[in-house]
């Protein structure tokens, strides 16, 4: 059985994955590292190198998102995780994280929703690290990669990717990818599609956890390294981006309706 250490944020979808990891017969969760970021850190990350106009755009979307976001569909993390060694930290690359990894001695480190891992941590941990990315690599690196394909009108590039962690941002070799069924977009609400896509990506991750472990342990686990993705990873979605995605989705739904009515 594979000894797995899970590194995650405090976001409910990420924490709820612990339940599914624990129920898998293929892994033993030997430790959890939970990254806790303060409000000031989150604001700095959101506004980093942004113009005043873009900052207003980002705040406007966050304000809207607060009122339409519903996380009740995600399970609460199981109380039995109290039996698993756990470390909380404000810095995922801290020396105490390295010490914790060495103490637990995992065969694999699985990441979801944490800050960028530094070269020092990768080298010091001396164990394979795999990130669960809520996006279709190599085309959509960065954050909120369930919405950016709609902004760009690329409805066939919404999915999830399990990939090796290297020094870049979502640039490591791909282990497993899965696309979201585009039919889900047909029933998505124009104001709530962002949330629905996020939940469908979560379901894809859950459904493919055991397959990922099987592929990872296989002899042909690693595909070639992505080389055709965007030069820069995608950043946070603003209100103007959300509106563009909403308009593109509306056109997509209308085209699909016309196509079905003509058949």
Foldseek 3Di string as FASTA:
>chain_A
DFEEEEEEEPDQLSLLVVVLQVPDPLYDDQEYEYAYADPVVVLCQQCPPHDPVVSVQAVVVVVLCVVQDDPPVRDGHDPVCVVHHYHYYNDCADPVVLVVLVVSVGQEYEYEHDDQHAPVSVVSSPHWYKYKAQWAPPAAFDPLRQQQCLLVLNLFTGWIWIFTHDHDGPFGFTQDIDTDDSVQLLPDDLSCNSVVSVVSRSVRCSVCVVVLSVLCPDPNRTDDTDDPYDPDHDHDDGNVSSVSSSVSSVVVNVVVVVVVVVD
